[in-house]
C-alpha atoms as a PDB file:
ATOM      1  CA  MET A   1     -19.927   4.936  50.284  1.00  0.00           C
ATOM      2  CA  GLU A   2     -16.720   6.679  48.786  1.00  0.00           C
ATOM      3  CA  SER A   3     -17.584   4.975  45.086  1.00  0.00           C
ATOM      4  CA  ASN A   4     -21.019   6.865  45.928  1.00  0.00           C
ATOM      5  CA  ASN A   5     -19.527  10.209  46.107  1.00  0.00           C
ATOM      6  CA  LEU A   6     -17.072   9.911  43.637  1.00  0.00           C
ATOM      7  CA  TYR A   7     -20.275   8.858  41.534  1.00  0.00           C
ATOM      8  CA  THR A   8     -22.064  11.637  42.558  1.00  0.00           C
ATOM      9  CA  GLU A   9     -19.150  14.343  41.771  1.00  0.00           C
ATOM     10  CA  ALA A  10     -18.595  12.663  38.477  1.00  0.00           C
ATOM     11  CA  VAL A  11     -22.072  13.535  37.714  1.00  0.00           C
ATOM     12  CA  ASN A  12     -22.178  17.206  38.984  1.00  0.00           C
ATOM     13  CA  LEU A  13     -19.707  17.849  36.893  1.00  0.00           C
ATOM     14  CA  ASP A  14     -20.956  16.425  33.620  1.00  0.00           C
ATOM     15  CA  GLN A  15     -23.770  18.262  34.307  1.00  0.00           C
ATOM     16  CA  ALA A  16     -21.532  21.762  35.463  1.00  0.00           C
ATOM     17  CA  THR A  17     -19.718  20.966  31.977  1.00  0.00           C
ATOM     18  CA  LEU A  18     -22.890  20.672  29.876  1.00  0.00           C
ATOM     19  CA  ALA A  19     -24.386  23.684  31.315  1.00  0.00           C
ATOM     20  CA  GLN A  20     -20.934  25.594  30.599  1.00  0.00           C
ATOM     21  CA  VAL A  21     -20.991  24.324  27.143  1.00  0.00           C
ATOM     22  CA  GLU A  22     -25.164  25.379  26.474  1.00  0.00           C
ATOM     23  CA  GLU A  23     -24.111  29.021  27.945  1.00  0.00           C
ATOM     24  CA  ILE A  24     -20.667  29.142  25.064  1.00  0.00           C
ATOM     25  CA  GLN A  25     -22.982  28.165  22.440  1.00  0.00           C
ATOM     26  CA  LYS A  26     -25.792  30.964  23.249  1.00  0.00           C
ATOM     27  CA  GLU A  27     -23.252  33.605  23.528  1.00  0.00           C
ATOM     28  CA  ILE A  28     -21.618  32.230  19.910  1.00  0.00           C
ATOM     29  CA  ALA A  29     -25.438  32.522  18.773  1.00  0.00           C
ATOM     30  CA  LYS A  30     -25.809  36.063  19.693  1.00  0.00           C
ATOM     31  CA  SER A  31     -22.657  37.096  18.149  1.00  0.00           C
ATOM     32  CA  CYS A  32     -22.798  35.257  14.944  1.00  0.00           C
ATOM     33  CA  GLU A  33     -25.867  34.441  12.404  1.00  0.00           C
ATOM     34  CA  LEU A  34     -25.780  30.664  11.298  1.00  0.00           C
ATOM     35  CA  VAL A  35     -24.448  32.367   7.973  1.00  0.00           C
ATOM     36  CA  ASN A  36     -23.563  35.949   7.623  1.00  0.00           C
ATOM     37  CA  LYS A  37     -23.812  38.613   5.217  1.00  0.00           C
ATOM     38  CA  LEU A  38     -20.911  39.213   2.670  1.00  0.00           C
ATOM     39  CA  GLU A  39     -17.945  41.090   3.888  1.00  0.00           C
ATOM     40  CA  PRO A  40     -14.609  42.911   2.772  1.00  0.00           C
ATOM     41  CA  LEU A  41     -11.974  40.466   3.212  1.00  0.00           C
ATOM     42  CA  SER A  42      -9.575  43.060   4.927  1.00  0.00           C
ATOM     43  CA  ASN A  43     -12.318  43.298   8.131  1.00  0.00           C
ATOM     44  CA  LEU A  44      -9.778  40.211   9.393  1.00  0.00           C
ATOM     45  CA  GLU A  45      -6.851  42.765   9.708  1.00  0.00           C
ATOM     46  CA  SER A  46      -8.554  44.221  12.595  1.00  0.00           C
ATOM     47  CA  GLU A  47      -9.305  40.934  14.251  1.00  0.00           C
ATOM     48  CA  TYR A  48      -5.263  40.386  15.007  1.00  0.00           C
ATOM     49  CA  SER A  49      -2.884  42.474  16.416  1.00  0.00           C
ATOM     50  CA  SER A  50      -0.677  44.658  13.794  1.00  0.00           C
ATOM     51  CA  ASP A  51       2.129  43.498  15.766  1.00  0.00           C
ATOM     52  CA  ASP A  52       1.378  39.646  14.817  1.00  0.00           C
ATOM     53  CA  HIS A  53       3.223  39.536  11.681  1.00  0.00           C
ATOM     54  CA  VAL A  54       2.590  36.176  10.809  1.00  0.00           C
ATOM     55  CA  TYR A  55      -1.191  36.346  10.546  1.00  0.00           C
ATOM     56  CA  GLN A  56      -0.956  39.928   9.057  1.00  0.00           C
ATOM     57  CA  ALA A  57       1.112  38.608   6.382  1.00  0.00           C
ATOM     58  CA  LYS A  58      -0.840  35.804   5.483  1.00  0.00           C
ATOM     59  CA  ILE A  59      -4.160  38.144   5.464  1.00  0.00           C
ATOM     60  CA  GLN A  60      -2.159  40.564   2.943  1.00  0.00           C
ATOM     61  CA  HIS A  61      -1.358  37.147   0.848  1.00  0.00           C
ATOM     62  CA  LEU A  62      -4.986  36.216   0.868  1.00  0.00           C
ATOM     63  CA  LYS A  63      -6.318  39.615  -0.037  1.00  0.00           C
ATOM     64  CA  THR A  64      -4.371  38.746  -3.560  1.00  0.00           C
ATOM     65  CA  MET A  65      -6.588  36.071  -4.403  1.00  0.00           C
ATOM     66  CA  TYR A  66      -9.962  37.000  -2.376  1.00  0.00           C
ATOM     67  CA  SER A  67     -11.803  40.169  -2.023  1.00  0.00           C
ATOM     68  CA  ASN A  68     -14.458  38.772   0.598  1.00  0.00           C
ATOM     69  CA  LEU A  69     -15.155  36.628   3.281  1.00  0.00           C
ATOM     70  CA  ARG A  70     -18.549  35.251   4.490  1.00  0.00           C
ATOM     71  CA  ARG A  71     -18.885  33.935   8.074  1.00  0.00           C
ATOM     72  CA  THR A  72     -20.804  30.874   9.274  1.00  0.00           C
ATOM     73  CA  ARG A  73     -21.265  30.402  13.042  1.00  0.00           C
ATOM     74  CA  GLY A  74     -18.328  28.409  14.871  1.00  0.00           C
ATOM     75  CA  ASP A  75     -20.636  25.495  16.180  1.00  0.00           C
ATOM     76  CA  GLY A  76     -19.163  22.882  15.135  1.00  0.00           C
ATOM     77  CA  ASN A  77     -21.312  22.127  11.872  1.00  0.00           C
ATOM     78  CA  CYS A  78     -19.491  25.153   9.853  1.00  0.00           C
ATOM     79  CA  PHE A  79     -17.880  22.924   7.362  1.00  0.00           C
ATOM     80  CA  PHE A  80     -20.920  21.489   6.272  1.00  0.00           C
ATOM     81  CA  ARG A  81     -22.858  24.445   6.774  1.00  0.00           C
ATOM     82  CA  ALA A  82     -20.615  26.934   4.631  1.00  0.00           C
ATOM     83  CA  PHE A  83     -20.038  23.617   1.968  1.00  0.00           C
ATOM     84  CA  GLY A  84     -24.179  23.579   1.478  1.00  0.00           C
ATOM     85  CA  PHE A  85     -25.066  27.193   1.009  1.00  0.00           C
ATOM     86  CA  ALA A  86     -21.523  27.668  -0.598  1.00  0.00           C
ATOM     87  CA  TYR A  87     -23.154  25.531  -3.315  1.00  0.00           C
ATOM     88  CA  LEU A  88     -25.931  26.270  -3.846  1.00  0.00           C
ATOM     89  CA  GLU A  89     -25.297  29.751  -4.016  1.00  0.00           C
ATOM     90  CA  THR A  90     -23.487  29.002  -7.156  1.00  0.00           C
ATOM     91  CA  LEU A  91     -26.704  27.574  -8.409  1.00  0.00           C
ATOM     92  CA  LEU A  92     -27.927  30.634  -8.476  1.00  0.00           C
ATOM     93  CA  THR A  93     -26.239  32.374 -11.478  1.00  0.00           C
ATOM     94  CA  ASP A  94     -25.149  28.862 -12.942  1.00  0.00           C
ATOM     95  CA  LYS A  95     -27.544  25.669 -12.648  1.00  0.00           C
ATOM     96  CA  SER A  96     -25.825  23.942 -15.389  1.00  0.00           C
ATOM     97  CA  ASP A  97     -24.306  21.557 -12.711  1.00  0.00           C
ATOM     98  CA  LEU A  98     -27.642  21.072 -11.128  1.00  0.00           C
ATOM     99  CA  PRO A  99     -28.380  17.729 -13.230  1.00  0.00           C
ATOM    100  CA  ARG A 100     -25.147  16.291 -12.000  1.00  0.00           C
ATOM    101  CA  PHE A 101     -25.534  17.218  -8.444  1.00  0.00           C
ATOM    102  CA  ARG A 102     -29.126  16.046  -8.364  1.00  0.00           C
ATOM    103  CA  GLU A 103     -28.597  12.470  -9.711  1.00  0.00           C
ATOM    104  CA  ALA A 104     -25.271  12.496  -6.820  1.00  0.00           C
ATOM    105  CA  ILE A 105     -27.635  13.195  -3.975  1.00  0.00           C
ATOM    106  CA  ILE A 106     -30.141  10.282  -5.459  1.00  0.00           C
ATOM    107  CA  LYS A 107     -27.436   7.901  -5.766  1.00  0.00           C
ATOM    108  CA  CYS A 108     -25.914   8.875  -2.476  1.00  0.00           C
ATOM    109  CA  LYS A 109     -29.171   8.120  -0.645  1.00  0.00           C
ATOM    110  CA  ASP A 110     -29.531   4.862  -2.575  1.00  0.00           C
ATOM    111  CA  SER A 111     -26.679   4.018  -1.523  1.00  0.00           C
ATOM    112  CA  LEU A 112     -26.943   5.124   2.085  1.00  0.00           C
ATOM    113  CA  LEU A 113     -30.204   2.702   2.367  1.00  0.00           C
ATOM    114  CA  ALA A 114     -28.252   0.206   1.275  1.00  0.00           C
ATOM    115  CA  LEU A 115     -26.053  -0.140   4.207  1.00  0.00           C
ATOM    116  CA  GLY A 116     -29.022  -1.168   6.074  1.00  0.00           C
ATOM    117  CA  ASP A 117     -28.041   1.039   8.983  1.00  0.00           C
ATOM    118  CA  TYR A 118     -30.594   3.649   8.792  1.00  0.00           C
ATOM    119  CA  PRO A 119     -34.127   3.874   8.932  1.00  0.00           C
ATOM    120  CA  SER A 120     -35.719   4.517   5.754  1.00  0.00           C
ATOM    121  CA  PHE A 121     -38.336   7.341   6.717  1.00  0.00           C
ATOM    122  CA  THR A 122     -35.372   9.133   8.676  1.00  0.00           C
ATOM    123  CA  VAL A 123     -33.804   9.215   5.502  1.00  0.00           C
ATOM    124  CA  ASP A 124     -36.459   9.933   3.371  1.00  0.00           C
ATOM    125  CA  ASP A 125     -37.446  13.119   5.902  1.00  0.00           C
ATOM    126  CA  PHE A 126     -33.827  14.342   5.694  1.00  0.00           C
ATOM    127  CA  HIS A 127     -33.607  13.924   1.762  1.00  0.00           C
ATOM    128  CA  GLU A 128     -37.304  15.374   1.026  1.00  0.00           C
ATOM    129  CA  THR A 129     -36.420  18.587   3.158  1.00  0.00           C
ATOM    130  CA  PHE A 130     -33.242  18.911   1.298  1.00  0.00           C
ATOM    131  CA  MET A 131     -34.355  18.456  -2.392  1.00  0.00           C
ATOM    132  CA  GLU A 132     -36.788  21.473  -1.196  1.00  0.00           C
ATOM    133  CA  VAL A 133     -34.627  23.695  -0.576  1.00  0.00           C
ATOM    134  CA  LEU A 134     -32.702  22.276  -3.896  1.00  0.00           C
ATOM    135  CA  ASP A 135     -35.632  22.745  -6.021  1.00  0.00           C
ATOM    136  CA  SER A 136     -36.428  26.409  -4.496  1.00  0.00           C
ATOM    137  CA  VAL A 137     -32.925  26.917  -5.692  1.00  0.00           C
ATOM    138  CA  ALA A 138     -33.214  25.464  -8.916  1.00  0.00           C
ATOM    139  CA  ASN A 139     -36.854  27.096  -9.978  1.00  0.00           C
ATOM    140  CA  THR A 140     -36.459  29.121 -12.992  1.00  0.00           C
ATOM    141  CA  GLU A 141     -39.976  30.247 -13.006  1.00  0.00           C
ATOM    142  CA  LYS A 142     -39.523  32.250  -9.671  1.00  0.00           C
ATOM    143  CA  GLU A 143     -35.836  32.318  -8.952  1.00  0.00           C
ATOM    144  CA  MET A 144     -34.710  32.217  -5.236  1.00  0.00           C
ATOM    145  CA  SER A 145     -32.724  35.544  -4.611  1.00  0.00           C
ATOM    146  CA  LEU A 146     -29.531  35.407  -2.402  1.00  0.00           C
ATOM    147  CA  ALA A 147     -31.221  36.801   0.053  1.00  0.00           C
ATOM    148  CA  ALA A 148     -33.872  34.216   0.404  1.00  0.00           C
ATOM    149  CA  LEU A 149     -31.002  31.917   0.365  1.00  0.00           C
ATOM    150  CA  THR A 150     -29.394  33.677   3.120  1.00  0.00           C
ATOM    151  CA  GLU A 151     -32.801  33.594   5.063  1.00  0.00           C
ATOM    152  CA  THR A 152     -33.224  29.623   4.504  1.00  0.00           C
ATOM    153  CA  PHE A 153     -29.799  29.098   6.237  1.00  0.00           C
ATOM    154  CA  GLN A 154     -30.797  31.249   8.999  1.00  0.00           C
ATOM    155  CA  ASP A 155     -33.633  29.206   9.858  1.00  0.00           C
ATOM    156  CA  GLN A 156     -32.167  27.290  12.361  1.00  0.00           C
ATOM    157  CA  GLY A 157     -34.548  24.034  11.672  1.00  0.00           C
ATOM    158  CA  LEU A 158     -33.933  23.901   7.844  1.00  0.00           C
ATOM    159  CA  SER A 159     -30.111  24.922   8.115  1.00  0.00           C
ATOM    160  CA  ASP A 160     -29.535  22.587  10.505  1.00  0.00           C
ATOM    161  CA  TYR A 161     -31.575  19.838   8.176  1.00  0.00           C
ATOM    162  CA  VAL A 162     -29.387  20.292   5.779  1.00  0.00           C
ATOM    163  CA  VAL A 163     -25.927  19.942   7.837  1.00  0.00           C
ATOM    164  CA  CYS A 164     -27.481  16.778   9.245  1.00  0.00           C
ATOM    165  CA  TYR A 165     -28.278  15.354   5.777  1.00  0.00           C
ATOM    166  CA  LEU A 166     -24.789  16.330   4.445  1.00  0.00           C
ATOM    167  CA  ARG A 167     -23.441  14.690   7.494  1.00  0.00           C
ATOM    168  CA  THR A 168     -25.247  11.765   7.196  1.00  0.00           C
ATOM    169  CA  LEU A 169     -24.058  11.531   3.195  1.00  0.00           C
ATOM    170  CA  THR A 170     -20.711  11.886   4.397  1.00  0.00           C
ATOM    171  CA  SER A 171     -21.118   9.016   7.157  1.00  0.00           C
ATOM    172  CA  GLY A 172     -22.341   6.567   4.167  1.00  0.00           C
ATOM    173  CA  TYR A 173     -19.859   7.296   1.693  1.00  0.00           C
ATOM    174  CA  LEU A 174     -17.245   6.534   4.430  1.00  0.00           C
ATOM    175  CA  GLN A 175     -18.584   3.645   5.529  1.00  0.00           C
ATOM    176  CA  ALA A 176     -19.501   2.478   1.742  1.00  0.00           C
ATOM    177  CA  ASN A 177     -15.496   2.881   1.172  1.00  0.00           C
ATOM    178  CA  ALA A 178     -14.525   1.653   4.694  1.00  0.00           C
ATOM    179  CA  ASP A 179     -11.855  -1.141   3.057  1.00  0.00           C
ATOM    180  CA  PHE A 180      -9.766   2.519   2.005  1.00  0.00           C
ATOM    181  CA  PHE A 181     -10.871   4.619   4.735  1.00  0.00           C
ATOM    182  CA  GLN A 182      -9.989   2.138   7.522  1.00  0.00           C
ATOM    183  CA  ALA A 183      -6.334   3.195   7.290  1.00  0.00           C
ATOM    184  CA  PHE A 184      -6.885   6.719   8.345  1.00  0.00           C
ATOM    185  CA  ILE A 185      -8.901   6.053  11.444  1.00  0.00           C
ATOM    186  CA  GLU A 186      -7.070   6.522  14.874  1.00  0.00           C
ATOM    187  CA  GLY A 187      -7.405   5.367  18.124  1.00  0.00           C
ATOM    188  CA  GLY A 188      -8.316   1.610  16.842  1.00  0.00           C
ATOM    189  CA  ARG A 189     -11.825   2.241  15.923  1.00  0.00           C
ATOM    190  CA  THR A 190     -13.735   1.191  12.817  1.00  0.00           C
ATOM    191  CA  VAL A 191     -14.782   3.512  10.239  1.00  0.00           C
ATOM    192  CA  LYS A 192     -18.277   2.874  11.782  1.00  0.00           C
ATOM    193  CA  GLU A 193     -17.619   3.599  14.895  1.00  0.00           C
ATOM    194  CA  TYR A 194     -15.542   6.713  13.858  1.00  0.00           C
ATOM    195  CA  CYS A 195     -18.585   8.001  12.173  1.00  0.00           C
ATOM    196  CA  SER A 196     -20.863   7.540  15.126  1.00  0.00           C
ATOM    197  CA  GLN A 197     -18.532   9.532  17.083  1.00  0.00           C
ATOM    198  CA  GLU A 198     -17.288  12.054  14.686  1.00  0.00           C
ATOM    199  CA  VAL A 199     -19.316  12.731  11.807  1.00  0.00           C
ATOM    200  CA  GLU A 200     -22.535  11.853  12.701  1.00  0.00           C
ATOM    201  CA  PRO A 201     -23.294  14.002  15.624  1.00  0.00           C
ATOM    202  CA  MET A 202     -24.065  17.841  15.189  1.00  0.00           C
ATOM    203  CA  TYR A 203     -21.533  20.300  16.649  1.00  0.00           C
ATOM    204  CA  LYS A 204     -18.648  17.968  15.769  1.00  0.00           C
ATOM    205  CA  GLU A 205     -16.113  19.513  13.935  1.00  0.00           C
ATOM    206  CA  SER A 206     -14.599  18.604  10.427  1.00  0.00           C
ATOM    207  CA  ASP A 207     -11.137  17.330   9.206  1.00  0.00           C
ATOM    208  CA  HIS A 208      -9.980  15.962   6.245  1.00  0.00           C
ATOM    209  CA  LEU A 209     -11.723  13.009   6.280  1.00  0.00           C
ATOM    210  CA  HIS A 210     -15.272  14.645   6.144  1.00  0.00           C
ATOM    211  CA  ILE A 211     -14.248  17.306   3.110  1.00  0.00           C
ATOM    212  CA  THR A 212     -12.819  14.078   1.304  1.00  0.00           C
ATOM    213  CA  ALA A 213     -15.821  11.838   1.970  1.00  0.00           C
ATOM    214  CA  LEU A 214     -18.369  14.847   1.357  1.00  0.00           C
ATOM    215  CA  VAL A 215     -16.396  16.061  -2.037  1.00  0.00           C
ATOM    216  CA  SER A 216     -16.212  12.636  -3.195  1.00  0.00           C
ATOM    217  CA  ALA A 217     -19.603  11.469  -2.552  1.00  0.00           C
ATOM    218  CA  LEU A 218     -21.466  14.923  -4.357  1.00  0.00           C
ATOM    219  CA  GLY A 219     -18.802  15.494  -6.645  1.00  0.00           C
ATOM    220  CA  VAL A 220     -18.525  19.167  -5.587  1.00  0.00           C
ATOM    221  CA  SER A 221     -14.458  19.906  -5.466  1.00  0.00           C
ATOM    222  CA  VAL A 222     -12.985  22.451  -2.812  1.00  0.00           C
ATOM    223  CA  ARG A 223     -10.294  24.473  -2.167  1.00  0.00           C
ATOM    224  CA  VAL A 224      -9.337  25.072   1.603  1.00  0.00           C
ATOM    225  CA  GLN A 225      -6.893  27.921   2.517  1.00  0.00           C
ATOM    226  CA  TYR A 226      -5.230  26.934   5.647  1.00  0.00           C
ATOM    227  CA  MET A 227      -4.420  30.230   7.652  1.00  0.00           C
ATOM    228  CA  ASP A 228      -2.967  29.351  10.969  1.00  0.00           C
ATOM    229  CA  ARG A 229       0.474  29.756  12.376  1.00  0.00           C
ATOM    230  CA  GLY A 230       2.203  27.191  10.300  1.00  0.00           C
ATOM    231  CA  GLY A 231       5.465  28.919   8.825  1.00  0.00           C
ATOM    232  CA  GLU A 232       6.466  31.335  11.591  1.00  0.00           C
ATOM    233  CA  GLY A 233       9.332  32.617   9.637  1.00  0.00           C
ATOM    234  CA  GLY A 234       6.471  34.252   7.654  1.00  0.00           C
ATOM    235  CA  GLY A 235       5.021  33.640   3.915  1.00  0.00           C
ATOM    236  CA  GLY A 236       1.381  33.109   2.764  1.00  0.00           C
ATOM    237  CA  VAL A 237      -1.264  30.755   3.377  1.00  0.00           C
ATOM    238  CA  ASN A 238      -1.281  27.355   2.188  1.00  0.00           C
ATOM    239  CA  HIS A 239      -3.907  25.499   0.351  1.00  0.00           C
ATOM    240  CA  HIS A 240      -5.651  21.914  -0.089  1.00  0.00           C
ATOM    241  CA  ASP A 241      -7.679  21.133  -3.130  1.00  0.00           C
ATOM    242  CA  PHE A 242     -10.058  18.681  -2.665  1.00  0.00           C
ATOM    243  CA  PHE A 243     -11.125  17.317  -6.269  1.00  0.00           C
ATOM    244  CA  ARG A 244     -13.962  15.290  -7.203  1.00  0.00           C
ATOM    245  CA  ASP A 245     -14.035  12.260  -8.914  1.00  0.00           C
ATOM    246  CA  GLU A 246     -15.378  13.387 -12.642  1.00  0.00           C
ATOM    247  CA  SER A 247     -15.473   9.197 -13.434  1.00  0.00           C
ATOM    248  CA  SER A 248     -17.875   8.443 -10.363  1.00  0.00           C
ATOM    249  CA  SER A 249     -20.845  10.708 -11.277  1.00  0.00           C
ATOM    250  CA  GLY A 250     -20.581  11.550  -7.324  1.00  0.00           C
ATOM    251  CA  SER A 251     -21.734   7.939  -6.264  1.00  0.00           C
ATOM    252  CA  ALA A 252     -21.153   6.939  -2.650  1.00  0.00           C
ATOM    253  CA  SER A 253     -21.050   3.205  -3.825  1.00  0.00           C
ATOM    254  CA  GLY A 254     -18.529   0.619  -4.858  1.00  0.00           C
ATOM    255  CA  SER A 255     -15.410  -0.244  -2.900  1.00  0.00           C
ATOM    256  CA  GLY A 256     -13.032   2.536  -4.633  1.00  0.00           C
ATOM    257  CA  ALA A 257     -12.506   5.766  -2.592  1.00  0.00           C
ATOM    258  CA  GLY A 258     -13.086   7.942  -5.229  1.00  0.00           C
ATOM    259  CA  GLY A 259     -12.813  11.786  -5.237  1.00  0.00           C
ATOM    260  CA  GLY A 260      -9.017  11.535  -6.735  1.00  0.00           C
ATOM    261  CA  VAL A 261      -8.174  10.299  -3.110  1.00  0.00           C
ATOM    262  CA  GLU A 262      -4.663   9.855  -3.184  1.00  0.00           C
ATOM    263  CA  SER A 263      -2.191   8.495  -0.490  1.00  0.00           C
ATOM    264  CA  ASP A 264      -2.878  11.283   1.755  1.00  0.00           C
ATOM    265  CA  VAL A 265      -6.562  10.702   2.138  1.00  0.00           C
ATOM    266  CA  THR A 266      -7.116  14.466   1.505  1.00  0.00           C
ATOM    267  CA  GLY A 267      -7.773  13.474  -2.306  1.00  0.00           C
ATOM    268  CA  ALA A 268      -5.435  17.024  -2.562  1.00  0.00           C
ATOM    269  CA  SER A 269      -2.823  19.094  -3.793  1.00  0.00           C
ATOM    270  CA  SER A 270      -1.364  21.444  -1.874  1.00  0.00           C
ATOM    271  CA  GLY A 271       0.595  24.624  -2.288  1.00  0.00           C
ATOM    272  CA  GLY A 272       0.923  26.088  -5.743  1.00  0.00           C
ATOM    273  CA  SER A 273      -1.159  26.535  -8.728  1.00  0.00           C
ATOM    274  CA  SER A 274      -1.983  24.020 -11.388  1.00  0.00           C
ATOM    275  CA  ASP A 275      -3.858  24.635 -14.991  1.00  0.00           C
ATOM    276  CA  ALA A 276      -5.829  21.399 -14.731  1.00  0.00           C
ATOM    277  CA  PRO A 277      -9.556  21.715 -14.713  1.00  0.00           C
ATOM    278  CA  GLN A 278      -9.383  20.013 -11.409  1.00  0.00           C
ATOM    279  CA  SER A 279      -7.301  23.118  -9.782  1.00  0.00           C
ATOM    280  CA  ARG A 280     -10.331  25.402 -10.399  1.00  0.00           C
ATOM    281  CA  PRO A 281     -12.508  24.131  -7.643  1.00  0.00           C
ATOM    282  CA  LEU A 282     -16.192  25.158  -7.445  1.00  0.00           C
ATOM    283  CA  ILE A 283     -16.008  26.094  -3.581  1.00  0.00           C
ATOM    284  CA  HIS A 284     -13.558  28.400  -1.727  1.00  0.00           C
ATOM    285  CA  MET A 285     -13.329  27.997   2.183  1.00  0.00           C
ATOM    286  CA  LEU A 286     -11.036  29.589   4.773  1.00  0.00           C
ATOM    287  CA  TYR A 287      -9.487  27.242   7.682  1.00  0.00           C
ATOM    288  CA  ARG A 288      -8.639  29.184  10.844  1.00  0.00           C
ATOM    289  CA  PRO A 289      -8.142  26.680  13.681  1.00  0.00           C
ATOM    290  CA  GLY A 290     -11.106  24.753  14.442  1.00  0.00           C
ATOM    291  CA  HIS A 291     -13.399  26.951  11.862  1.00  0.00           C
ATOM    292  CA  TYR A 292     -14.517  27.381   8.627  1.00  0.00           C
ATOM    293  CA  ASP A 293     -15.935  30.449   6.683  1.00  0.00           C
ATOM    294  CA  ILE A 294     -16.532  31.229   2.467  1.00  0.00           C
ATOM    295  CA  LEU A 295     -14.151  32.826   0.342  1.00  0.00           C
ATOM    296  CA  TYR A 296     -14.848  35.022  -2.563  1.00  0.00           C
ATOM    297  CA  GLN A 297     -12.559  35.772  -5.471  1.00  0.00           C
END
């Protein structure tokens, strides 16, 4: 009888927790679009107390490098949504990378199917939807406007399809290079277990492994500016550059990890600037604990 009561209490607690999470997600949805309009970076100043010298100093440092910010909804999908939007936004004004990126996406899909863990009809469905969005951006006869791209990413169905496909491609890259990435998986889990628990599910937050794998798979370099309480004594933000692998054409196959991934798995350089071509990433993001937004220079 006691075990039954404990089971009932556990079920009630789980239901209450789920209900609470749903309410939180509803509140977040009310306060923030999936992808928002461009706004001045200086707007961040009002989000922190004027006496918070750590964050105020870091905002001032950011303002020397960036002028604007585009917020994404803090629903756990923010990195993937920001990545997808920011890259497609670059194609609105410069389509030179489009042939390479299109090839990378197709190779990723083929590598994903080669793993044998994903139903082909499911992968094809996500791939076709993603390519429809990409083709709309790529259309030179009827060019997509920034407003139209924003509207696409504010559409929950389309936007989530893009996010889900990017998550799946990230998972595929990690698993295709499991021998390399296994050393960075904590908790005694396999790479496959990590992917099924931390990468593929919607609303799961992203870390360095997610970024490294996606950058390596698709060949799109990213700079992440970290704004947290690190360096309480003062100073500016620190950044990490996640480099694309120029030699792999963004393929998610093969035994090598690619992506310029070095011993720290971030595939990145941190701190100061460099004149190397890879030190000028295509996408810039702002990371605040648990959340990513898009930065504009």
